[in-house]
Amino acid sequence: MIGGSDIVFPAVGGPAALNACARIIQRLWPHARFENAVTGEKYAQLIDIPFVELTELLAYPNSEAEAAWDADSSESPENSMLYIIVRDEDVTVVLDNPETAEMRSILEAIRGLLWTDIQNVYMRAAA
């Protein structure tokens, strides 16, 4: 089941923010698989993802989790998919349970990166 929690981060959204989120996920889930949430197109590697064209991305920790979700299996473990939605003013991560250590690590890494990005935009504007 996906959708237990929507975590919204204020951000300068867009392709760079989505790319950054995917890179964080890849770092913490080394065997991550990705999917265009709108079209269903699959990406086995980060380099294959057309970030400029996407605003919604699904991330799975590995091919087994991806296959379980594709089969609409009731056996899909908690937090075995993340749904990332990027808008101009924020990034939303939809997940089952943000209270696990693994999800806290992913969410804190995303929060830190997006906060740094916002600070950089404001500093450039003030200069």
C-alpha atoms as a PDB file:
ATOM      1  CA  MET A   1       0.000   0.000   0.000  1.00  0.00           C
ATOM      2  CA  ILE A   2       1.328   3.447  -0.868  1.00  0.00           C
ATOM      3  CA  GLY A   3      -0.090   6.609   0.469  1.00  0.00           C
ATOM      4  CA  GLY A   4       0.205   6.465   4.219  1.00  0.00           C
ATOM      5  CA  SER A   5       2.053   9.772   4.339  1.00  0.00           C
ATOM      6  CA  ASP A   6       2.680  12.738   2.087  1.00  0.00           C
ATOM      7  CA  ILE A   7       5.843  14.593   3.085  1.00  0.00           C
ATOM      8  CA  VAL A   8       5.984  18.023   1.421  1.00  0.00           C
ATOM      9  CA  PHE A   9       9.256  19.933   1.233  1.00  0.00           C
ATOM     10  CA  PRO A  10       9.328  23.594   0.221  1.00  0.00           C
ATOM     11  CA  ALA A  11      11.710  23.658  -2.726  1.00  0.00           C
ATOM     12  CA  VAL A  12      12.715  25.196  -5.960  1.00  0.00           C
ATOM     13  CA  GLY A  13      11.140  22.381  -7.930  1.00  0.00           C
ATOM     14  CA  GLY A  14      11.849  21.212 -11.407  1.00  0.00           C
ATOM     15  CA  PRO A  15      14.122  18.734 -13.145  1.00  0.00           C
ATOM     16  CA  ALA A  16      17.133  19.488 -10.928  1.00  0.00           C
ATOM     17  CA  ALA A  17      15.135  18.812  -7.751  1.00  0.00           C
ATOM     18  CA  LEU A  18      13.774  15.533  -9.134  1.00  0.00           C
ATOM     19  CA  ASN A  19      17.257  14.500 -10.250  1.00  0.00           C
ATOM     20  CA  ALA A  20      18.635  15.293  -6.797  1.00  0.00           C
ATOM     21  CA  CYS A  21      15.925  13.232  -5.094  1.00  0.00           C
ATOM     22  CA  ALA A  22      16.599  10.286  -7.407  1.00  0.00           C
ATOM     23  CA  ARG A  23      20.347  10.510  -6.701  1.00  0.00           C
ATOM     24  CA  ILE A  24      19.729  10.470  -2.951  1.00  0.00           C
ATOM     25  CA  ILE A  25      17.464   7.448  -3.321  1.00  0.00           C
ATOM     26  CA  GLN A  26      20.062   5.709  -5.516  1.00  0.00           C
ATOM     27  CA  ARG A  27      22.749   6.365  -2.909  1.00  0.00           C
ATOM     28  CA  LEU A  28      20.637   4.865  -0.116  1.00  0.00           C
ATOM     29  CA  TRP A  29      19.076   2.155  -2.282  1.00  0.00           C
ATOM     30  CA  PRO A  30      22.020   1.056  -4.493  1.00  0.00           C
ATOM     31  CA  HIS A  31      19.818  -1.279  -6.569  1.00  0.00           C
ATOM     32  CA  ALA A  32      16.992   1.237  -7.005  1.00  0.00           C
ATOM     33  CA  ARG A  33      14.702   1.068 -10.000  1.00  0.00           C
ATOM     34  CA  PHE A  34      12.660   4.008 -11.278  1.00  0.00           C
ATOM     35  CA  GLU A  35       9.458   4.494 -13.252  1.00  0.00           C
ATOM     36  CA  ASN A  36       7.669   7.406 -14.867  1.00  0.00           C
ATOM     37  CA  ALA A  37       4.559   7.622 -12.672  1.00  0.00           C
ATOM     38  CA  VAL A  38       2.479   9.004 -15.540  1.00  0.00           C
ATOM     39  CA  THR A  39       3.451   6.745 -18.452  1.00  0.00           C
ATOM     40  CA  GLY A  40       4.799   3.658 -16.681  1.00  0.00           C
ATOM     41  CA  GLU A  41       8.101   3.825 -18.572  1.00  0.00           C
ATOM     42  CA  LYS A  42      10.800   1.977 -16.602  1.00  0.00           C
ATOM     43  CA  TYR A  43      14.381   3.099 -15.927  1.00  0.00           C
ATOM     44  CA  ALA A  44      17.016   0.664 -14.702  1.00  0.00           C
ATOM     45  CA  GLN A  45      19.629   3.407 -14.254  1.00  0.00           C
ATOM     46  CA  LEU A  46      19.639   7.076 -13.301  1.00  0.00           C
ATOM     47  CA  ILE A  47      21.296   7.988 -16.576  1.00  0.00           C
ATOM     48  CA  ASP A  48      18.235   6.683 -18.449  1.00  0.00           C
ATOM     49  CA  ILE A  49      15.754   9.018 -16.704  1.00  0.00           C
ATOM     50  CA  PRO A  50      14.658  12.032 -18.801  1.00  0.00           C
ATOM     51  CA  PHE A  51      14.369  14.402 -15.826  1.00  0.00           C
ATOM     52  CA  VAL A  52      13.483  17.397 -18.019  1.00  0.00           C
ATOM     53  CA  GLU A  53      10.299  15.624 -19.112  1.00  0.00           C
ATOM     54  CA  LEU A  54       9.143  14.350 -15.689  1.00  0.00           C
ATOM     55  CA  THR A  55       7.311  15.751 -12.709  1.00  0.00           C
ATOM     56  CA  GLU A  56       6.365  12.405 -11.112  1.00  0.00           C
ATOM     57  CA  LEU A  57       8.673   9.488 -10.451  1.00  0.00           C
ATOM     58  CA  LEU A  58       8.264   6.153  -8.679  1.00  0.00           C
ATOM     59  CA  ALA A  59      11.282   4.628  -6.951  1.00  0.00           C
ATOM     60  CA  TYR A  60      11.671   1.035  -5.809  1.00  0.00           C
ATOM     61  CA  PRO A  61      14.550  -0.288  -3.689  1.00  0.00           C
ATOM     62  CA  ASN A  62      15.219  -3.155  -6.126  1.00  0.00           C
ATOM     63  CA  SER A  63      13.803  -5.173  -9.009  1.00  0.00           C
ATOM     64  CA  GLU A  64      11.956  -7.540  -6.650  1.00  0.00           C
ATOM     65  CA  ALA A  65       9.991  -4.676  -5.090  1.00  0.00           C
ATOM     66  CA  GLU A  66       9.266  -3.273  -8.552  1.00  0.00           C
ATOM     67  CA  ALA A  67       7.970  -6.670  -9.714  1.00  0.00           C
ATOM     68  CA  ALA A  68       5.741  -7.013  -6.634  1.00  0.00           C
ATOM     69  CA  TRP A  69       4.183  -3.594  -7.318  1.00  0.00           C
ATOM     70  CA  ASP A  70       3.801  -4.394 -11.027  1.00  0.00           C
ATOM     71  CA  ALA A  71       1.952  -7.584 -10.084  1.00  0.00           C
ATOM     72  CA  ASP A  72      -0.267  -5.563  -7.711  1.00  0.00           C
ATOM     73  CA  SER A  73       0.804  -7.995  -5.025  1.00  0.00           C
ATOM     74  CA  SER A  74      -0.587  -7.743  -1.542  1.00  0.00           C
ATOM     75  CA  GLU A  75       2.848  -8.999  -0.484  1.00  0.00           C
ATOM     76  CA  SER A  76       4.530  -5.672  -1.315  1.00  0.00           C
ATOM     77  CA  PRO A  77       6.430  -4.745   1.836  1.00  0.00           C
ATOM     78  CA  GLU A  78       5.935  -1.426   3.586  1.00  0.00           C
ATOM     79  CA  ASN A  79       8.033   1.390   2.102  1.00  0.00           C
ATOM     80  CA  SER A  80       8.923  -0.648  -0.980  1.00  0.00           C
ATOM     81  CA  MET A  81       7.987   2.250  -3.266  1.00  0.00           C
ATOM     82  CA  LEU A  82       8.349   6.007  -3.065  1.00  0.00           C
ATOM     83  CA  TYR A  83       6.281   8.382  -5.177  1.00  0.00           C
ATOM     84  CA  ILE A  84       8.037  11.698  -5.830  1.00  0.00           C
ATOM     85  CA  ILE A  85       6.046  14.637  -7.189  1.00  0.00           C
ATOM     86  CA  VAL A  86       7.839  17.834  -8.180  1.00  0.00           C
ATOM     87  CA  ARG A  87       6.086  21.179  -8.571  1.00  0.00           C
ATOM     88  CA  ASP A  88       7.607  24.647  -8.927  1.00  0.00           C
ATOM     89  CA  GLU A  89       7.226  25.426  -5.230  1.00  0.00           C
ATOM     90  CA  ASP A  90       7.697  22.045  -3.570  1.00  0.00           C
ATOM     91  CA  VAL A  91       8.622  18.390  -3.719  1.00  0.00           C
ATOM     92  CA  THR A  92       6.280  15.777  -2.252  1.00  0.00           C
ATOM     93  CA  VAL A  93       7.365  12.286  -1.277  1.00  0.00           C
ATOM     94  CA  VAL A  94       4.536   9.813  -0.755  1.00  0.00           C
ATOM     95  CA  LEU A  95       5.371   6.723   1.278  1.00  0.00           C
ATOM     96  CA  ASP A  96       3.842   4.238   3.667  1.00  0.00           C
ATOM     97  CA  ASN A  97       5.646   4.952   6.933  1.00  0.00           C
ATOM     98  CA  PRO A  98       8.059   7.850   7.462  1.00  0.00           C
ATOM     99  CA  GLU A  99       8.951   6.610  10.956  1.00  0.00           C
ATOM    100  CA  THR A 100      11.317   3.811   9.947  1.00  0.00           C
ATOM    101  CA  ALA A 101      15.065   4.473  10.180  1.00  0.00           C
ATOM    102  CA  GLU A 102      15.496   3.916   6.431  1.00  0.00           C
ATOM    103  CA  MET A 103      12.767   6.394   5.491  1.00  0.00           C
ATOM    104  CA  ARG A 104      13.985   8.960   8.023  1.00  0.00           C
ATOM    105  CA  SER A 105      17.431   8.759   6.375  1.00  0.00           C
ATOM    106  CA  ILE A 106      16.005   9.262   2.900  1.00  0.00           C
ATOM    107  CA  LEU A 107      13.681  12.082   3.950  1.00  0.00           C
ATOM    108  CA  GLU A 108      16.367  13.909   5.948  1.00  0.00           C
ATOM    109  CA  ALA A 109      18.783  13.692   3.014  1.00  0.00           C
ATOM    110  CA  ILE A 110      16.139  15.099   0.664  1.00  0.00           C
ATOM    111  CA  ARG A 111      15.175  17.820   3.150  1.00  0.00           C
ATOM    112  CA  GLY A 112      18.806  18.860   3.619  1.00  0.00           C
ATOM    113  CA  LEU A 113      19.540  18.983  -0.077  1.00  0.00           C
ATOM    114  CA  LEU A 114      16.397  20.928  -0.969  1.00  0.00           C
ATOM    115  CA  TRP A 115      16.915  23.379   1.923  1.00  0.00           C
ATOM    116  CA  THR A 116      20.484  24.025   0.754  1.00  0.00           C
ATOM    117  CA  ASP A 117      19.171  24.634  -2.758  1.00  0.00           C
ATOM    118  CA  ILE A 118      16.616  27.180  -1.500  1.00  0.00           C
ATOM    119  CA  GLN A 119      19.297  28.973   0.518  1.00  0.00           C
ATOM    120  CA  ASN A 120      21.557  29.142  -2.546  1.00  0.00           C
ATOM    121  CA  VAL A 121      18.750  30.668  -4.645  1.00  0.00           C
ATOM    122  CA  TYR A 122      18.090  33.330  -1.999  1.00  0.00           C
ATOM    123  CA  MET A 123      21.798  34.117  -1.635  1.00  0.00           C
ATOM    124  CA  ARG A 124      22.171  34.530  -5.404  1.00  0.00           C
ATOM    125  CA  ALA A 125      19.106  36.786  -5.483  1.00  0.00           C
ATOM    126  CA  ALA A 126      20.458  38.922  -2.632  1.00  0.00           C
ATOM    127  CA  ALA A 127      23.886  39.339  -4.254  1.00  0.00           C
END
